[in-house]
PDB file of N, CA and C in Angstrom:
ATOM      1  N   MET A   1       0.914  -1.552  -0.128  1.00  0.00           N
ATOM      2  CA  MET A   1       0.196   0.151  -0.122  1.00  0.00           C
ATOM      3  C   MET A   1       1.122   1.523  -0.124  1.00  0.00           C
ATOM      4  N   SER A   2       1.825   1.283   0.721  1.00  0.00           N
ATOM      5  CA  SER A   2       2.789   2.470   0.641  1.00  0.00           C
ATOM      6  C   SER A   2       3.413   2.568  -0.562  1.00  0.00           C
ATOM      7  N   SER A   3       3.789   1.574  -0.878  1.00  0.00           N
ATOM      8  CA  SER A   3       4.352   1.754  -2.167  1.00  0.00           C
ATOM      9  C   SER A   3       3.593   2.309  -3.227  1.00  0.00           C
ATOM     10  N   LYS A   4       2.270   1.856  -3.242  1.00  0.00           N
ATOM     11  CA  LYS A   4       0.873   2.346  -4.124  1.00  0.00           C
ATOM     12  C   LYS A   4       1.208   3.755  -4.042  1.00  0.00           C
ATOM     13  N   MET A   5       1.195   4.298  -2.644  1.00  0.00           N
ATOM     14  CA  MET A   5       0.896   5.882  -2.549  1.00  0.00           C
ATOM     15  C   MET A   5       2.195   6.543  -3.020  1.00  0.00           C
ATOM     16  N   ASN A   6       3.554   5.690  -2.840  1.00  0.00           N
ATOM     17  CA  ASN A   6       4.492   6.052  -3.312  1.00  0.00           C
ATOM     18  C   ASN A   6       4.592   6.854  -4.857  1.00  0.00           C
ATOM     19  N   ILE A   7       4.254   5.388  -5.613  1.00  0.00           N
ATOM     20  CA  ILE A   7       3.650   5.947  -7.134  1.00  0.00           C
ATOM     21  C   ILE A   7       3.260   6.812  -7.405  1.00  0.00           C
ATOM     22  N   LEU A   8       1.655   6.863  -6.639  1.00  0.00           N
ATOM     23  CA  LEU A   8       0.973   7.845  -6.574  1.00  0.00           C
ATOM     24  C   LEU A   8       1.373   9.331  -6.337  1.00  0.00           C
ATOM     25  N   GLN A   9       1.960   9.308  -5.401  1.00  0.00           N
ATOM     26  CA  GLN A   9       2.944  10.600  -5.186  1.00  0.00           C
ATOM     27  C   GLN A   9       3.456  11.178  -6.303  1.00  0.00           C
ATOM     28  N   ASN A  10       4.765  10.229  -6.826  1.00  0.00           N
ATOM     29  CA  ASN A  10       5.442  10.626  -7.509  1.00  0.00           C
ATOM     30  C   ASN A  10       4.368  10.813  -8.932  1.00  0.00           C
ATOM     31  N   LYS A  11       3.732  10.058  -9.241  1.00  0.00           N
ATOM     32  CA  LYS A  11       2.916  10.632 -10.586  1.00  0.00           C
ATOM     33  C   LYS A  11       2.181  12.105 -10.454  1.00  0.00           C
ATOM     34  N   ALA A  12       1.823  12.357  -9.126  1.00  0.00           N
ATOM     35  CA  ALA A  12       1.225  13.765  -8.887  1.00  0.00           C
ATOM     36  C   ALA A  12       2.149  14.708  -9.308  1.00  0.00           C
ATOM     37  N   ASP A  13       3.470  14.151  -8.383  1.00  0.00           N
ATOM     38  CA  ASP A  13       4.744  15.426  -8.323  1.00  0.00           C
ATOM     39  C   ASP A  13       4.917  15.645  -9.947  1.00  0.00           C
ATOM     40  N   ASP A  14       4.770  14.139 -10.526  1.00  0.00           N
ATOM     41  CA  ASP A  14       5.210  14.580 -12.515  1.00  0.00           C
ATOM     42  C   ASP A  14       4.369  15.546 -12.510  1.00  0.00           C
ATOM     43  N   ILE A  15       3.151  15.392 -12.739  1.00  0.00           N
ATOM     44  CA  ILE A  15       1.896  15.710 -13.175  1.00  0.00           C
ATOM     45  C   ILE A  15       1.814  17.583 -12.677  1.00  0.00           C
ATOM     46  N   GLY A  16       2.791  17.980 -11.375  1.00  0.00           N
ATOM     47  CA  GLY A  16       2.818  19.245 -10.942  1.00  0.00           C
ATOM     48  C   GLY A  16       4.278  20.102 -11.559  1.00  0.00           C
ATOM     49  N   ASN A  17       4.955  18.677 -11.838  1.00  0.00           N
ATOM     50  CA  ASN A  17       5.723  19.526 -12.769  1.00  0.00           C
ATOM     51  C   ASN A  17       5.622  19.811 -14.253  1.00  0.00           C
ATOM     52  N   VAL A  18       5.192  19.035 -14.480  1.00  0.00           N
ATOM     53  CA  VAL A  18       4.724  19.240 -16.101  1.00  0.00           C
ATOM     54  C   VAL A  18       3.521  20.235 -16.165  1.00  0.00           C
ATOM     55  N   ALA A  19       2.661  20.237 -15.468  1.00  0.00           N
ATOM     56  CA  ALA A  19       1.863  21.505 -15.039  1.00  0.00           C
ATOM     57  C   ALA A  19       2.590  22.846 -15.276  1.00  0.00           C
ATOM     58  N   GLY A  20       3.666  23.037 -13.742  1.00  0.00           N
ATOM     59  CA  GLY A  20       4.545  24.344 -13.828  1.00  0.00           C
ATOM     60  C   GLY A  20       5.126  24.647 -14.896  1.00  0.00           C
ATOM     61  N   LEU A  21       5.798  23.671 -16.099  1.00  0.00           N
ATOM     62  CA  LEU A  21       6.429  23.808 -17.413  1.00  0.00           C
ATOM     63  C   LEU A  21       5.676  24.275 -18.095  1.00  0.00           C
ATOM     64  N   SER A  22       4.465  23.746 -18.057  1.00  0.00           N
ATOM     65  CA  SER A  22       3.263  24.379 -19.113  1.00  0.00           C
ATOM     66  C   SER A  22       3.567  25.521 -18.834  1.00  0.00           C
ATOM     67  N   LEU A  23       2.794  26.041 -17.777  1.00  0.00           N
ATOM     68  CA  LEU A  23       2.489  27.514 -17.034  1.00  0.00           C
ATOM     69  C   LEU A  23       3.793  28.250 -17.259  1.00  0.00           C
ATOM     70  N   GLU A  24       4.347  27.951 -17.050  1.00  0.00           N
ATOM     71  CA  GLU A  24       5.945  29.027 -17.684  1.00  0.00           C
ATOM     72  C   GLU A  24       5.992  29.018 -19.027  1.00  0.00           C
ATOM     73  N   LYS A  25       6.026  27.581 -19.797  1.00  0.00           N
ATOM     74  CA  LYS A  25       6.159  28.209 -20.973  1.00  0.00           C
ATOM     75  C   LYS A  25       4.887  28.958 -22.022  1.00  0.00           C
ATOM     76  N   GLN A  26       3.801  28.574 -21.193  1.00  0.00           N
ATOM     77  CA  GLN A  26       2.430  29.884 -21.197  1.00  0.00           C
ATOM     78  C   GLN A  26       2.890  31.315 -21.222  1.00  0.00           C
ATOM     79  N   LYS A  27       3.619  31.681 -19.945  1.00  0.00           N
ATOM     80  CA  LYS A  27       4.239  32.499 -19.649  1.00  0.00           C
ATOM     81  C   LYS A  27       5.180  33.564 -20.811  1.00  0.00           C
ATOM     82  N   GLU A  28       5.850  32.678 -21.106  1.00  0.00           N
ATOM     83  CA  GLU A  28       6.935  32.787 -22.374  1.00  0.00           C
ATOM     84  C   GLU A  28       6.150  33.408 -23.660  1.00  0.00           C
ATOM     85  N   VAL A  29       5.199  32.251 -23.616  1.00  0.00           N
ATOM     86  CA  VAL A  29       4.165  32.564 -24.887  1.00  0.00           C
ATOM     87  C   VAL A  29       3.427  34.363 -24.810  1.00  0.00           C
ATOM     88  N   LEU A  30       2.995  34.315 -24.016  1.00  0.00           N
ATOM     89  CA  LEU A  30       2.529  35.628 -23.822  1.00  0.00           C
ATOM     90  C   LEU A  30       3.037  36.592 -23.545  1.00  0.00           C
ATOM     91  N   LYS A  31       4.418  36.317 -23.274  1.00  0.00           N
ATOM     92  CA  LYS A  31       5.450  37.470 -22.879  1.00  0.00           C
ATOM     93  C   LYS A  31       5.582  37.718 -24.162  1.00  0.00           C
ATOM     94  N   GLY A  32       5.790  36.781 -25.180  1.00  0.00           N
ATOM     95  CA  GLY A  32       6.520  37.130 -26.545  1.00  0.00           C
ATOM     96  C   GLY A  32       5.741  37.618 -27.282  1.00  0.00           C
ATOM     97  N   GLN A  33       3.893  37.185 -27.075  1.00  0.00           N
ATOM     98  CA  GLN A  33       2.852  37.555 -28.217  1.00  0.00           C
ATOM     99  C   GLN A  33       2.833  39.404 -27.621  1.00  0.00           C
ATOM    100  N   SER A  34       3.299  39.652 -26.602  1.00  0.00           N
ATOM    101  CA  SER A  34       2.846  41.230 -26.348  1.00  0.00           C
ATOM    102  C   SER A  34       4.017  41.876 -26.592  1.00  0.00           C
ATOM    103  N   GLU A  35       5.345  41.390 -26.434  1.00  0.00           N
ATOM    104  CA  GLU A  35       6.259  42.315 -27.190  1.00  0.00           C
ATOM    105  C   GLU A  35       5.754  42.212 -28.649  1.00  0.00           C
ATOM    106  N   ALA A  36       5.326  41.164 -29.673  1.00  0.00           N
ATOM    107  CA  ALA A  36       4.707  41.122 -30.934  1.00  0.00           C
ATOM    108  C   ALA A  36       3.954  42.176 -31.092  1.00  0.00           C
ATOM    109  N   LEU A  37       2.955  41.962 -30.337  1.00  0.00           N
ATOM    110  CA  LEU A  37       2.191  43.233 -30.468  1.00  0.00           C
ATOM    111  C   LEU A  37       2.674  44.613 -29.939  1.00  0.00           C
ATOM    112  N   ASN A  38       3.182  44.763 -28.993  1.00  0.00           N
ATOM    113  CA  ASN A  38       3.935  45.866 -29.012  1.00  0.00           C
ATOM    114  C   ASN A  38       4.668  46.623 -30.075  1.00  0.00           C
ATOM    115  N   GLY A  39       5.640  45.765 -30.618  1.00  0.00           N
ATOM    116  CA  GLY A  39       6.173  45.802 -31.916  1.00  0.00           C
ATOM    117  C   GLY A  39       4.768  46.412 -33.221  1.00  0.00           C
ATOM    118  N   LEU A  40       4.004  45.686 -33.110  1.00  0.00           N
ATOM    119  CA  LEU A  40       3.199  46.026 -34.604  1.00  0.00           C
ATOM    120  C   LEU A  40       2.699  47.216 -34.315  1.00  0.00           C
ATOM    121  N   GLN A  41       2.330  47.574 -32.865  1.00  0.00           N
ATOM    122  CA  GLN A  41       1.744  48.959 -32.495  1.00  0.00           C
ATOM    123  C   GLN A  41       2.784  50.082 -33.372  1.00  0.00           C
ATOM    124  N   SER A  42       4.116  50.022 -32.536  1.00  0.00           N
ATOM    125  CA  SER A  42       4.625  50.693 -33.051  1.00  0.00           C
ATOM    126  C   SER A  42       4.897  50.708 -34.592  1.00  0.00           C
ATOM    127  N   LEU A  43       5.025  49.764 -35.406  1.00  0.00           N
ATOM    128  CA  LEU A  43       4.997  50.002 -36.688  1.00  0.00           C
ATOM    129  C   LEU A  43       3.824  50.292 -37.444  1.00  0.00           C
ATOM    130  N   THR A  44       2.984  50.110 -36.646  1.00  0.00           N
ATOM    131  CA  THR A  44       1.655  50.690 -37.121  1.00  0.00           C
ATOM    132  C   THR A  44       1.876  52.126 -37.163  1.00  0.00           C
ATOM    133  N   GLN A  45       2.117  52.576 -35.747  1.00  0.00           N
ATOM    134  CA  GLN A  45       2.366  54.337 -35.692  1.00  0.00           C
ATOM    135  C   GLN A  45       3.394  54.917 -36.572  1.00  0.00           C
ATOM    136  N   PHE A  46       4.377  54.244 -36.703  1.00  0.00           N
ATOM    137  CA  PHE A  46       5.962  55.005 -37.813  1.00  0.00           C
ATOM    138  C   PHE A  46       4.443  54.972 -39.073  1.00  0.00           C
ATOM    139  N   GLN A  47       3.801  53.717 -39.321  1.00  0.00           N
ATOM    140  CA  GLN A  47       3.612  53.884 -41.001  1.00  0.00           C
ATOM    141  C   GLN A  47       2.793  54.976 -41.233  1.00  0.00           C
ATOM    142  N   SER A  48       1.512  55.403 -40.181  1.00  0.00           N
ATOM    143  CA  SER A  48       0.591  56.037 -40.037  1.00  0.00           C
ATOM    144  C   SER A  48       1.441  57.644 -40.599  1.00  0.00           C
ATOM    145  N   LYS A  49       2.871  57.714 -39.597  1.00  0.00           N
ATOM    146  CA  LYS A  49       3.218  58.871 -39.282  1.00  0.00           C
ATOM    147  C   LYS A  49       3.933  59.196 -40.889  1.00  0.00           C
ATOM    148  N   ALA A  50       4.283  58.268 -41.361  1.00  0.00           N
ATOM    149  CA  ALA A  50       5.014  58.337 -42.843  1.00  0.00           C
ATOM    150  C   ALA A  50       4.238  58.696 -43.769  1.00  0.00           C
ATOM    151  N   LEU A  51       2.609  57.902 -43.630  1.00  0.00           N
ATOM    152  CA  LEU A  51       1.501  58.043 -44.503  1.00  0.00           C
ATOM    153  C   LEU A  51       1.544  59.739 -44.730  1.00  0.00           C
ATOM    154  N   GLU A  52       1.153  60.147 -43.081  1.00  0.00           N
ATOM    155  CA  GLU A  52       0.783  61.740 -43.377  1.00  0.00           C
ATOM    156  C   GLU A  52       1.519  62.482 -43.946  1.00  0.00           C
ATOM    157  N   GLU A  53       3.252  62.039 -43.665  1.00  0.00           N
ATOM    158  CA  GLU A  53       4.314  63.190 -44.096  1.00  0.00           C
ATOM    159  C   GLU A  53       4.211  63.021 -45.448  1.00  0.00           C
ATOM    160  N   SER A  54       4.070  61.725 -46.275  1.00  0.00           N
ATOM    161  CA  SER A  54       3.955  61.520 -47.404  1.00  0.00           C
ATOM    162  C   SER A  54       2.903  62.340 -48.340  1.00  0.00           C
ATOM    163  N   ARG A  55       1.614  62.733 -47.526  1.00  0.00           N
ATOM    164  CA  ARG A  55       0.328  63.077 -48.141  1.00  0.00           C
ATOM    165  C   ARG A  55       0.781  64.618 -48.581  1.00  0.00           C
ATOM    166  N   ALA A  56       1.099  64.675 -46.863  1.00  0.00           N
ATOM    167  CA  ALA A  56       2.090  66.491 -46.979  1.00  0.00           C
ATOM    168  C   ALA A  56       2.731  66.861 -48.084  1.00  0.00           C
ATOM    169  N   VAL A  57       3.602  66.162 -47.801  1.00  0.00           N
ATOM    170  CA  VAL A  57       4.276  66.002 -49.323  1.00  0.00           C
ATOM    171  C   VAL A  57       4.072  66.256 -50.548  1.00  0.00           C
ATOM    172  N   LEU A  58       3.098  65.389 -50.850  1.00  0.00           N
ATOM    173  CA  LEU A  58       2.235  65.063 -52.133  1.00  0.00           C
ATOM    174  C   LEU A  58       1.782  66.671 -52.685  1.00  0.00           C
ATOM    175  N   GLN A  59       0.795  66.951 -51.719  1.00  0.00           N
ATOM    176  CA  GLN A  59       0.234  67.900 -51.423  1.00  0.00           C
ATOM    177  C   GLN A  59       0.922  69.473 -51.615  1.00  0.00           C
ATOM    178  N   GLN A  60       2.295  69.522 -51.422  1.00  0.00           N
ATOM    179  CA  GLN A  60       3.051  70.335 -51.467  1.00  0.00           C
ATOM    180  C   GLN A  60       3.521  70.394 -52.717  1.00  0.00           C
ATOM    181  N   LEU A  61       3.796  69.123 -53.477  1.00  0.00           N
ATOM    182  CA  LEU A  61       4.207  69.138 -54.596  1.00  0.00           C
ATOM    183  C   LEU A  61       3.119  69.259 -55.571  1.00  0.00           C
ATOM    184  N   ALA A  62       1.352  68.838 -54.891  1.00  0.00           N
ATOM    185  CA  ALA A  62       1.083  69.597 -56.351  1.00  0.00           C
ATOM    186  C   ALA A  62       0.875  70.597 -55.974  1.00  0.00           C
ATOM    187  N   ASN A  63       0.702  71.357 -55.262  1.00  0.00           N
ATOM    188  CA  ASN A  63       0.403  73.055 -54.406  1.00  0.00           C
ATOM    189  C   ASN A  63       1.788  73.448 -55.772  1.00  0.00           C
ATOM    190  N   PHE A  64       2.834  73.285 -55.770  1.00  0.00           N
ATOM    191  CA  PHE A  64       3.563  74.102 -56.452  1.00  0.00           C
ATOM    192  C   PHE A  64       3.735  73.527 -57.957  1.00  0.00           C
ATOM    193  N   GLY A  65       3.337  72.206 -58.475  1.00  0.00           N
ATOM    194  CA  GLY A  65       3.159  72.071 -59.968  1.00  0.00           C
ATOM    195  C   GLY A  65       1.844  72.829 -60.286  1.00  0.00           C
ATOM    196  N   HIS A  66       1.061  73.320 -59.455  1.00  0.00           N
ATOM    197  CA  HIS A  66      -0.344  74.227 -60.018  1.00  0.00           C
ATOM    198  C   HIS A  66       0.248  75.596 -60.281  1.00  0.00           C
ATOM    199  N   GLU A  67       1.178  75.991 -59.518  1.00  0.00           N
ATOM    200  CA  GLU A  67       1.708  77.235 -58.981  1.00  0.00           C
ATOM    201  C   GLU A  67       2.606  77.639 -60.537  1.00  0.00           C
ATOM    202  N   GLN A  68       3.328  76.398 -60.656  1.00  0.00           N
ATOM    203  CA  GLN A  68       4.468  76.658 -61.904  1.00  0.00           C
ATOM    204  C   GLN A  68       3.487  77.007 -63.090  1.00  0.00           C
ATOM    205  N   GLN A  69       2.654  75.801 -62.831  1.00  0.00           N
ATOM    206  CA  GLN A  69       1.817  75.569 -64.573  1.00  0.00           C
ATOM    207  C   GLN A  69       0.921  77.104 -64.376  1.00  0.00           C
ATOM    208  N   GLU A  70       0.503  77.827 -63.504  1.00  0.00           N
ATOM    209  CA  GLU A  70      -0.136  78.996 -63.678  1.00  0.00           C
ATOM    210  C   GLU A  70       0.785  79.931 -64.522  1.00  0.00           C
ATOM    211  N   GLU A  71       2.370  80.229 -63.695  1.00  0.00           N
ATOM    212  CA  GLU A  71       3.369  81.171 -63.849  1.00  0.00           C
ATOM    213  C   GLU A  71       3.516  80.767 -65.560  1.00  0.00           C
ATOM    214  N   LEU A  72       3.830  79.471 -65.981  1.00  0.00           N
ATOM    215  CA  LEU A  72       3.540  79.170 -67.325  1.00  0.00           C
ATOM    216  C   LEU A  72       2.388  80.052 -67.691  1.00  0.00           C
ATOM    217  N   LEU A  73       1.597  79.349 -67.528  1.00  0.00           N
ATOM    218  CA  LEU A  73       0.017  80.159 -68.491  1.00  0.00           C
ATOM    219  C   LEU A  73       0.396  81.777 -68.388  1.00  0.00           C
ATOM    220  N   GLN A  74       0.817  82.107 -67.745  1.00  0.00           N
ATOM    221  CA  GLN A  74       0.839  83.507 -67.535  1.00  0.00           C
ATOM    222  C   GLN A  74       2.233  84.410 -68.519  1.00  0.00           C
ATOM    223  N   ARG A  75       2.728  83.279 -68.107  1.00  0.00           N
ATOM    224  CA  ARG A  75       3.929  83.724 -69.254  1.00  0.00           C
ATOM    225  C   ARG A  75       3.784  83.443 -70.690  1.00  0.00           C
ATOM    226  N   GLN A  76       3.160  82.276 -70.951  1.00  0.00           N
ATOM    227  CA  GLN A  76       2.629  82.203 -72.201  1.00  0.00           C
ATOM    228  C   GLN A  76       1.390  83.372 -73.170  1.00  0.00           C
ATOM    229  N   GLU A  77       0.605  84.082 -72.099  1.00  0.00           N
ATOM    230  CA  GLU A  77      -0.228  84.768 -72.455  1.00  0.00           C
ATOM    231  C   GLU A  77       0.788  85.841 -72.600  1.00  0.00           C
ATOM    232  N   LYS A  78       1.618  86.674 -72.010  1.00  0.00           N
ATOM    233  CA  LYS A  78       2.536  87.653 -72.076  1.00  0.00           C
ATOM    234  C   LYS A  78       3.310  87.633 -73.263  1.00  0.00           C
ATOM    235  N   LEU A  79       3.930  86.432 -73.759  1.00  0.00           N
ATOM    236  CA  LEU A  79       4.472  86.314 -75.268  1.00  0.00           C
ATOM    237  C   LEU A  79       3.454  86.300 -76.276  1.00  0.00           C
ATOM    238  N   GLN A  80       2.462  85.432 -75.821  1.00  0.00           N
ATOM    239  CA  GLN A  80       1.345  85.594 -77.472  1.00  0.00           C
ATOM    240  C   GLN A  80       0.959  87.011 -77.383  1.00  0.00           C
ATOM    241  N   GLN A  81       0.787  88.103 -76.640  1.00  0.00           N
ATOM    242  CA  GLN A  81       0.677  89.436 -76.512  1.00  0.00           C
ATOM    243  C   GLN A  81       1.679  90.250 -77.164  1.00  0.00           C
ATOM    244  N   ALA A  82       2.739  89.802 -76.744  1.00  0.00           N
ATOM    245  CA  ALA A  82       4.351  90.664 -77.540  1.00  0.00           C
ATOM    246  C   ALA A  82       4.240  89.975 -78.849  1.00  0.00           C
ATOM    247  N   HIS A  83       3.999  88.742 -79.148  1.00  0.00           N
ATOM    248  CA  HIS A  83       4.006  88.322 -80.624  1.00  0.00           C
ATOM    249  C   HIS A  83       2.857  89.209 -81.684  1.00  0.00           C
ATOM    250  N   ASP A  84       1.864  88.755 -80.892  1.00  0.00           N
ATOM    251  CA  ASP A  84       0.661  89.839 -81.373  1.00  0.00           C
ATOM    252  C   ASP A  84       1.031  91.612 -81.997  1.00  0.00           C
ATOM    253  N   HIS A  85       1.640  91.851 -80.770  1.00  0.00           N
ATOM    254  CA  HIS A  85       1.551  93.250 -80.895  1.00  0.00           C
ATOM    255  C   HIS A  85       2.842  93.423 -82.224  1.00  0.00           C
ATOM    256  N   LEU A  86       4.002  92.450 -82.344  1.00  0.00           N
ATOM    257  CA  LEU A  86       5.268  92.509 -83.008  1.00  0.00           C
ATOM    258  C   LEU A  86       4.505  92.116 -84.494  1.00  0.00           C
ATOM    259  N   VAL A  87       3.260  91.378 -84.850  1.00  0.00           N
ATOM    260  CA  VAL A  87       2.924  91.185 -85.659  1.00  0.00           C
ATOM    261  C   VAL A  87       2.150  92.492 -86.090  1.00  0.00           C
ATOM    262  N   GLU A  88       1.523  93.099 -85.509  1.00  0.00           N
ATOM    263  CA  GLU A  88       0.642  94.453 -85.586  1.00  0.00           C
ATOM    264  C   GLU A  88       1.601  95.488 -86.281  1.00  0.00           C
ATOM    265  N   ASN A  89       2.569  95.800 -85.442  1.00  0.00           N
ATOM    266  CA  ASN A  89       3.842  96.357 -85.864  1.00  0.00           C
ATOM    267  C   ASN A  89       4.412  96.388 -87.238  1.00  0.00           C
ATOM    268  N   SER A  90       4.547  94.706 -87.788  1.00  0.00           N
ATOM    269  CA  SER A  90       5.221  94.664 -88.542  1.00  0.00           C
ATOM    270  C   SER A  90       4.003  94.730 -89.988  1.00  0.00           C
ATOM    271  N   LYS A  91       3.340  95.020 -89.508  1.00  0.00           N
ATOM    272  CA  LYS A  91       1.997  95.034 -90.785  1.00  0.00           C
ATOM    273  C   LYS A  91       1.824  96.654 -91.215  1.00  0.00           C
ATOM    274  N   SER A  92       1.733  97.065 -89.839  1.00  0.00           N
ATOM    275  CA  SER A  92       2.000  98.772 -90.284  1.00  0.00           C
ATOM    276  C   SER A  92       2.969  99.273 -91.117  1.00  0.00           C
ATOM    277  N   MET A  93       4.524  98.631 -90.861  1.00  0.00           N
ATOM    278  CA  MET A  93       5.865  98.875 -91.377  1.00  0.00           C
ATOM    279  C   MET A  93       5.507  98.762 -92.603  1.00  0.00           C
ATOM    280  N   LEU A  94       4.864  97.875 -92.882  1.00  0.00           N
ATOM    281  CA  LEU A  94       4.834  97.055 -94.485  1.00  0.00           C
ATOM    282  C   LEU A  94       3.527  97.947 -94.781  1.00  0.00           C
ATOM    283  N   ALA A  95       2.604  98.517 -94.577  1.00  0.00           N
ATOM    284  CA  ALA A  95       1.523  99.393 -95.093  1.00  0.00           C
ATOM    285  C   ALA A  95       2.185 100.968 -95.465  1.00  0.00           C
ATOM    286  N   ALA A  96       3.579 101.130 -94.311  1.00  0.00           N
ATOM    287  CA  ALA A  96       3.733 102.370 -94.451  1.00  0.00           C
ATOM    288  C   ALA A  96       4.975 102.410 -95.826  1.00  0.00           C
ATOM    289  N   GLN A  97       5.510 101.358 -95.758  1.00  0.00           N
ATOM    290  CA  GLN A  97       6.389 101.099 -96.635  1.00  0.00           C
ATOM    291  C   GLN A  97       5.564 101.231 -97.936  1.00  0.00           C
ATOM    292  N   VAL A  98       4.546 100.097 -98.497  1.00  0.00           N
ATOM    293  CA  VAL A  98       3.964 100.545 -99.272  1.00  0.00           C
ATOM    294  C   VAL A  98       3.571 101.892 -99.983  1.00  0.00           C
ATOM    295  N   GLU A  99       2.683 102.617 -98.891  1.00  0.00           N
ATOM    296  CA  GLU A  99       2.464 103.832 -99.237  1.00  0.00           C
ATOM    297  C   GLU A  99       3.350 105.123 -99.630  1.00  0.00           C
ATOM    298  N   LEU A 100       5.117 104.690 -98.690  1.00  0.00           N
ATOM    299  CA  LEU A 100       6.151 105.315 -99.232  1.00  0.00           C
ATOM    300  C   LEU A 100       6.588 104.918-100.743  1.00  0.00           C
ATOM    301  N   GLN A 101       6.217 104.081-101.182  1.00  0.00           N
ATOM    302  CA  GLN A 101       7.008 103.655-102.510  1.00  0.00           C
ATOM    303  C   GLN A 101       5.920 104.021-103.611  1.00  0.00           C
ATOM    304  N   LYS A 102       4.380 104.634-102.968  1.00  0.00           N
ATOM    305  CA  LYS A 102       3.205 104.472-103.808  1.00  0.00           C
ATOM    306  C   LYS A 102       3.952 106.373-104.506  1.00  0.00           C
ATOM    307  N   THR A 103       4.483 107.079-103.526  1.00  0.00           N
ATOM    308  CA  THR A 103       4.868 108.229-103.954  1.00  0.00           C
ATOM    309  C   THR A 103       5.558 108.582-104.166  1.00  0.00           C
TER     310      THR A 103
END
């Protein structure tokens, strides 16, 4: 009877040891999961910040491009006006030369 009790006690001790090891391993897994979750949160924050910065830069570039396009259009308009003015002056000069030749 005593030997059976010893065997049962040994089995109970073994079960307790295995359960203790299992709990330790579960704690390690939970710690690893917690660290991984913290890493993911950090990565998510970094990505969000990078996305915000990227959007801001893209908006600045779009604004700059729009300003450059407006400036180009204004310069083209001025060039067209100067060209038109030169054409009109040339026509006037030709007309004056034709009149001078007639006289």
